[in-house]
Amino acid sequence: MVDHARSTWRVSIRRACRALPVERSTYHYRSRRAGQAQLTERIKEIAATRVRYGYRRIHVLLRRDGWRVNAKRVYRLYREMGLQLRPQDAQAPGEGQAAGGPPPCDTIQ
């Protein structure tokens, strides 16, 4: 936006930033964060092999592997990659109960 204003009006960075609501420090800002490519690949590998793992369990596995990573970063990358823990289908009523359990209350006299 500032570059466009500079080229169109042929003004300095200072004047272009002043005309637009942009700080000069924001214009000159360069991120110092290292690339996330290796971490992203490792998260994809874990998510592919362990489909039922969410970002929290993936974070634990990364910490065990020696990655010094924050859970919030894992969550952000997990969401950016479009990974989501899909909800399991609800069980039908009566499924999953142990056979030979106590009888229903209405049959006891």
N, C-alpha and C. Protein backbone atom coordinates (compact mmCIF):
# COMPACT_ATOMS: atom_id res chain seq x y z
N MET A 1 0.82 -1.17 0.00
CA MET A 1 0.00 0.00 0.00
C MET A 1 0.88 1.25 0.00
N VAL A 2 1.88 1.25 0.87
CA VAL A 2 2.79 2.40 0.94
C VAL A 2 3.61 2.48 -0.34
N ASP A 3 4.07 1.35 -0.84
CA ASP A 3 4.86 1.35 -2.08
C ASP A 3 4.03 1.88 -3.25
N HIS A 4 2.77 1.50 -3.29
CA HIS A 4 1.89 1.99 -4.35
C HIS A 4 1.74 3.51 -4.25
N ALA A 5 1.55 4.02 -3.04
CA ALA A 5 1.41 5.46 -2.84
C ALA A 5 2.70 6.18 -3.23
N ARG A 6 3.83 5.60 -2.90
CA ARG A 6 5.13 6.22 -3.24
C ARG A 6 5.32 6.30 -4.75
N SER A 7 4.99 5.20 -5.44
CA SER A 7 5.20 5.21 -6.89
C SER A 7 4.18 6.11 -7.61
N THR A 8 2.96 6.16 -7.11
CA THR A 8 1.93 6.97 -7.75
C THR A 8 2.18 8.46 -7.55
N TRP A 9 2.44 8.85 -6.30
CA TRP A 9 2.59 10.27 -5.98
C TRP A 9 4.04 10.74 -5.98
N ARG A 10 4.98 9.80 -6.09
CA ARG A 10 6.41 10.11 -6.08
C ARG A 10 6.79 10.92 -4.84
N VAL A 11 6.48 10.30 -3.68
CA VAL A 11 6.80 10.93 -2.39
C VAL A 11 7.71 9.99 -1.60
N SER A 12 8.26 10.50 -0.52
CA SER A 12 9.14 9.71 0.34
C SER A 12 8.33 8.72 1.17
N ILE A 13 9.04 7.78 1.78
CA ILE A 13 8.39 6.80 2.66
C ILE A 13 7.69 7.52 3.81
N ARG A 14 8.37 8.53 4.35
CA ARG A 14 7.81 9.26 5.49
C ARG A 14 6.49 9.91 5.12
N ARG A 15 6.44 10.55 3.98
CA ARG A 15 5.19 11.22 3.57
C ARG A 15 4.10 10.23 3.20
N ALA A 16 4.47 9.13 2.55
CA ALA A 16 3.47 8.12 2.19
C ALA A 16 2.88 7.48 3.43
N CYS A 17 3.72 7.19 4.42
CA CYS A 17 3.22 6.61 5.68
C CYS A 17 2.34 7.59 6.43
N ARG A 18 2.69 8.86 6.35
CA ARG A 18 1.90 9.87 7.05
C ARG A 18 0.54 10.07 6.38
N ALA A 19 0.52 9.99 5.05
CA ALA A 19 -0.75 10.15 4.32
C ALA A 19 -1.68 8.96 4.58
N LEU A 20 -1.08 7.80 4.72
CA LEU A 20 -1.85 6.59 5.05
C LEU A 20 -1.70 6.34 6.55
N PRO A 21 -2.64 5.68 7.18
CA PRO A 21 -2.49 5.43 8.63
C PRO A 21 -1.54 4.26 8.90
N VAL A 22 -0.24 4.43 8.52
CA VAL A 22 0.75 3.37 8.69
C VAL A 22 1.97 3.96 9.38
N GLU A 23 2.45 3.28 10.40
CA GLU A 23 3.68 3.70 11.06
C GLU A 23 4.88 3.34 10.19
N ARG A 24 5.93 4.17 10.24
CA ARG A 24 7.12 3.85 9.46
C ARG A 24 7.81 2.59 9.96
N SER A 25 7.76 2.35 11.25
CA SER A 25 8.38 1.13 11.80
C SER A 25 7.66 -0.12 11.27
N THR A 26 6.35 -0.02 11.05
CA THR A 26 5.61 -1.14 10.48
C THR A 26 6.03 -1.37 9.04
N TYR A 27 6.26 -0.30 8.31
CA TYR A 27 6.68 -0.42 6.92
C TYR A 27 8.04 -1.11 6.81
N HIS A 28 8.95 -0.79 7.72
CA HIS A 28 10.31 -1.34 7.67
C HIS A 28 10.46 -2.66 8.40
N TYR A 29 9.41 -3.15 9.03
CA TYR A 29 9.50 -4.36 9.85
C TYR A 29 9.86 -5.58 9.01
N ARG A 30 10.79 -6.38 9.52
CA ARG A 30 11.16 -7.66 8.92
C ARG A 30 11.10 -8.72 10.01
N SER A 31 10.39 -9.79 9.75
CA SER A 31 10.22 -10.84 10.74
C SER A 31 11.54 -11.56 10.97
N ARG A 32 11.81 -11.93 12.22
CA ARG A 32 13.02 -12.67 12.57
C ARG A 32 12.73 -14.13 12.84
N ARG A 33 11.49 -14.53 12.70
CA ARG A 33 11.11 -15.90 12.99
C ARG A 33 11.72 -16.85 11.96
N ALA A 34 12.25 -17.95 12.44
CA ALA A 34 12.83 -18.95 11.54
C ALA A 34 11.70 -19.67 10.79
N GLY A 35 12.04 -20.31 9.71
CA GLY A 35 11.05 -21.04 8.93
C GLY A 35 10.46 -22.21 9.71
N GLN A 36 9.24 -22.53 9.41
CA GLN A 36 8.52 -23.59 10.11
C GLN A 36 8.38 -24.85 9.26
N ALA A 37 9.14 -24.96 8.17
CA ALA A 37 8.94 -26.05 7.22
C ALA A 37 9.19 -27.41 7.85
N GLN A 38 10.27 -27.56 8.61
CA GLN A 38 10.57 -28.86 9.21
C GLN A 38 9.52 -29.24 10.25
N LEU A 39 9.13 -28.28 11.06
CA LEU A 39 8.11 -28.54 12.08
C LEU A 39 6.78 -28.90 11.43
N THR A 40 6.42 -28.19 10.37
CA THR A 40 5.18 -28.47 9.66
C THR A 40 5.19 -29.88 9.08
N GLU A 41 6.32 -30.28 8.51
CA GLU A 41 6.43 -31.63 7.95
C GLU A 41 6.28 -32.69 9.04
N ARG A 42 6.89 -32.45 10.18
CA ARG A 42 6.82 -33.42 11.29
C ARG A 42 5.38 -33.53 11.81
N ILE A 43 4.68 -32.41 11.90
CA ILE A 43 3.28 -32.43 12.35
C ILE A 43 2.44 -33.22 11.35
N LYS A 44 2.69 -33.02 10.04
CA LYS A 44 1.95 -33.77 9.01
C LYS A 44 2.21 -35.26 9.14
N GLU A 45 3.48 -35.63 9.39
CA GLU A 45 3.81 -37.05 9.53
C GLU A 45 3.07 -37.68 10.71
N ILE A 46 3.10 -37.00 11.84
CA ILE A 46 2.43 -37.53 13.03
C ILE A 46 0.93 -37.62 12.80
N ALA A 47 0.34 -36.57 12.21
CA ALA A 47 -1.11 -36.56 11.96
C ALA A 47 -1.51 -37.64 10.96
N ALA A 48 -0.62 -37.97 10.02
CA ALA A 48 -0.95 -39.01 9.04
C ALA A 48 -0.90 -40.40 9.66
N THR A 49 0.05 -40.63 10.56
CA THR A 49 0.16 -41.96 11.17
C THR A 49 -0.80 -42.13 12.34
N ARG A 50 -1.09 -41.06 13.04
CA ARG A 50 -1.98 -41.12 14.19
C ARG A 50 -3.17 -40.20 13.94
N VAL A 51 -4.16 -40.74 13.25
CA VAL A 51 -5.29 -39.95 12.78
C VAL A 51 -6.11 -39.38 13.94
N ARG A 52 -6.21 -40.10 15.02
CA ARG A 52 -7.05 -39.68 16.13
C ARG A 52 -6.36 -38.72 17.09
N TYR A 53 -5.14 -38.29 16.78
CA TYR A 53 -4.42 -37.38 17.67
C TYR A 53 -4.75 -35.94 17.31
N GLY A 54 -5.06 -35.16 18.31
CA GLY A 54 -5.27 -33.73 18.13
C GLY A 54 -3.97 -32.99 18.33
N TYR A 55 -4.05 -31.66 18.35
CA TYR A 55 -2.84 -30.86 18.45
C TYR A 55 -2.15 -31.03 19.80
N ARG A 56 -2.89 -31.31 20.84
CA ARG A 56 -2.26 -31.45 22.17
C ARG A 56 -1.41 -32.70 22.26
N ARG A 57 -1.91 -33.81 21.75
CA ARG A 57 -1.12 -35.05 21.78
C ARG A 57 0.05 -34.97 20.81
N ILE A 58 -0.15 -34.28 19.69
CA ILE A 58 0.96 -34.08 18.76
C ILE A 58 2.04 -33.23 19.42
N HIS A 59 1.62 -32.23 20.19
CA HIS A 59 2.58 -31.40 20.92
C HIS A 59 3.41 -32.24 21.88
N VAL A 60 2.77 -33.16 22.59
CA VAL A 60 3.50 -34.02 23.52
C VAL A 60 4.51 -34.89 22.78
N LEU A 61 4.11 -35.44 21.64
CA LEU A 61 5.04 -36.27 20.86
C LEU A 61 6.21 -35.45 20.33
N LEU A 62 5.95 -34.22 19.92
CA LEU A 62 7.04 -33.36 19.45
C LEU A 62 8.02 -33.06 20.57
N ARG A 63 7.50 -32.81 21.77
CA ARG A 63 8.38 -32.55 22.91
C ARG A 63 9.23 -33.77 23.23
N ARG A 64 8.64 -34.96 23.12
CA ARG A 64 9.40 -36.19 23.35
C ARG A 64 10.49 -36.39 22.30
N ASP A 65 10.22 -35.92 21.08
CA ASP A 65 11.20 -36.03 20.00
C ASP A 65 12.32 -35.00 20.12
N GLY A 66 12.18 -34.06 21.05
CA GLY A 66 13.24 -33.07 21.25
C GLY A 66 12.95 -31.71 20.65
N TRP A 67 11.77 -31.51 20.10
CA TRP A 67 11.41 -30.20 19.56
C TRP A 67 11.10 -29.26 20.71
N ARG A 68 11.68 -28.08 20.71
CA ARG A 68 11.33 -27.05 21.70
C ARG A 68 10.26 -26.18 21.08
N VAL A 69 9.02 -26.60 21.28
CA VAL A 69 7.90 -25.93 20.62
C VAL A 69 6.78 -25.71 21.61
N ASN A 70 6.08 -24.61 21.45
CA ASN A 70 4.97 -24.23 22.31
C ASN A 70 3.68 -24.84 21.77
N ALA A 71 2.77 -25.19 22.66
CA ALA A 71 1.49 -25.79 22.24
C ALA A 71 0.69 -24.82 21.38
N LYS A 72 0.81 -23.52 21.65
CA LYS A 72 0.07 -22.54 20.86
C LYS A 72 0.57 -22.50 19.42
N ARG A 73 1.88 -22.69 19.23
CA ARG A 73 2.42 -22.73 17.87
C ARG A 73 1.95 -23.98 17.15
N VAL A 74 1.94 -25.10 17.86
CA VAL A 74 1.46 -26.35 17.26
C VAL A 74 0.00 -26.18 16.86
N TYR A 75 -0.80 -25.57 17.71
CA TYR A 75 -2.22 -25.34 17.40
C TYR A 75 -2.36 -24.47 16.16
N ARG A 76 -1.58 -23.38 16.08
CA ARG A 76 -1.66 -22.47 14.93
C ARG A 76 -1.30 -23.19 13.63
N LEU A 77 -0.21 -23.95 13.65
CA LEU A 77 0.20 -24.68 12.45
C LEU A 77 -0.80 -25.78 12.10
N TYR A 78 -1.33 -26.44 13.12
CA TYR A 78 -2.33 -27.50 12.94
C TYR A 78 -3.55 -26.95 12.20
N ARG A 79 -4.00 -25.78 12.61
CA ARG A 79 -5.16 -25.16 11.98
C ARG A 79 -4.84 -24.64 10.58
N GLU A 80 -3.63 -24.06 10.41
CA GLU A 80 -3.24 -23.54 9.10
C GLU A 80 -3.16 -24.65 8.05
N MET A 81 -2.76 -25.84 8.49
CA MET A 81 -2.66 -26.97 7.56
C MET A 81 -4.02 -27.59 7.28
N GLY A 82 -5.04 -27.13 7.98
CA GLY A 82 -6.39 -27.66 7.76
C GLY A 82 -6.64 -28.98 8.45
N LEU A 83 -5.79 -29.31 9.41
CA LEU A 83 -5.98 -30.56 10.15
C LEU A 83 -7.00 -30.32 11.25
N GLN A 84 -7.91 -31.25 11.39
CA GLN A 84 -8.89 -31.16 12.47
C GLN A 84 -9.15 -32.56 12.97
N LEU A 85 -9.31 -32.65 14.25
CA LEU A 85 -9.68 -33.93 14.84
C LEU A 85 -11.17 -34.12 14.58
N ARG A 86 -11.48 -35.09 13.75
CA ARG A 86 -12.88 -35.31 13.41
C ARG A 86 -13.60 -35.98 14.57
N PRO A 87 -14.80 -35.54 14.91
CA PRO A 87 -15.52 -36.16 16.01
C PRO A 87 -15.92 -37.60 15.68
N GLN A 88 -15.87 -38.45 16.68
CA GLN A 88 -16.27 -39.83 16.47
C GLN A 88 -17.78 -39.90 16.39
N ASP A 89 -18.27 -40.89 15.66
CA ASP A 89 -19.71 -41.09 15.57
C ASP A 89 -20.23 -41.52 16.93
N ALA A 90 -21.38 -41.00 17.30
CA ALA A 90 -21.99 -41.37 18.57
C ALA A 90 -22.45 -42.82 18.51
N GLN A 91 -22.31 -43.53 19.61
CA GLN A 91 -22.76 -44.92 19.64
C GLN A 91 -24.28 -44.96 19.76
N ALA A 92 -24.86 -45.97 19.17
CA ALA A 92 -26.30 -46.17 19.29
C ALA A 92 -26.62 -46.55 20.74
N PRO A 93 -27.79 -46.19 21.23
CA PRO A 93 -28.14 -46.55 22.60
C PRO A 93 -28.09 -48.06 22.79
N GLY A 94 -27.47 -48.48 23.86
CA GLY A 94 -27.37 -49.90 24.16
C GLY A 94 -26.06 -50.51 23.71
N GLU A 95 -25.38 -49.88 22.76
CA GLU A 95 -24.09 -50.41 22.34
C GLU A 95 -23.04 -50.08 23.38
N GLY A 96 -22.09 -50.93 23.51
CA GLY A 96 -20.98 -50.67 24.41
C GLY A 96 -21.24 -51.06 25.85
N GLN A 97 -22.44 -51.55 26.15
CA GLN A 97 -22.71 -51.98 27.51
C GLN A 97 -22.25 -53.42 27.68
N ALA A 98 -21.79 -53.72 28.85
CA ALA A 98 -21.31 -55.07 29.12
C ALA A 98 -22.48 -56.05 29.14
N ALA A 99 -22.27 -57.21 28.55
CA ALA A 99 -23.31 -58.24 28.57
C ALA A 99 -23.42 -58.83 29.96
N GLY A 100 -24.61 -59.12 30.36
CA GLY A 100 -24.81 -59.71 31.68
C GLY A 100 -24.82 -58.68 32.80
N GLY A 101 -25.03 -57.45 32.45
CA GLY A 101 -25.10 -56.40 33.46
C GLY A 101 -26.39 -56.49 34.25
N PRO A 102 -26.62 -55.60 35.17
CA PRO A 102 -27.84 -55.64 35.96
C PRO A 102 -29.06 -55.39 35.08
N PRO A 103 -30.17 -56.01 35.40
CA PRO A 103 -31.38 -55.82 34.60
C PRO A 103 -31.92 -54.41 34.76
N PRO A 104 -32.71 -53.96 33.81
CA PRO A 104 -33.33 -52.63 33.94
C PRO A 104 -34.18 -52.55 35.20
N CYS A 105 -34.35 -51.37 35.71
CA CYS A 105 -35.04 -51.18 36.99
C CYS A 105 -36.51 -51.57 36.94
N ASP A 106 -37.17 -51.48 35.80
CA ASP A 106 -38.61 -51.78 35.75
C ASP A 106 -38.91 -53.26 35.84
N THR A 107 -37.93 -54.15 35.69
CA THR A 107 -38.20 -55.58 35.78
C THR A 107 -38.01 -56.11 37.21
N ILE A 108 -37.36 -55.36 38.05
CA ILE A 108 -37.17 -55.79 39.44
C ILE A 108 -38.42 -55.46 40.24
N GLN A 109 -38.89 -56.47 41.06
CA GLN A 109 -40.10 -56.21 41.83
C GLN A 109 -39.81 -56.09 43.29
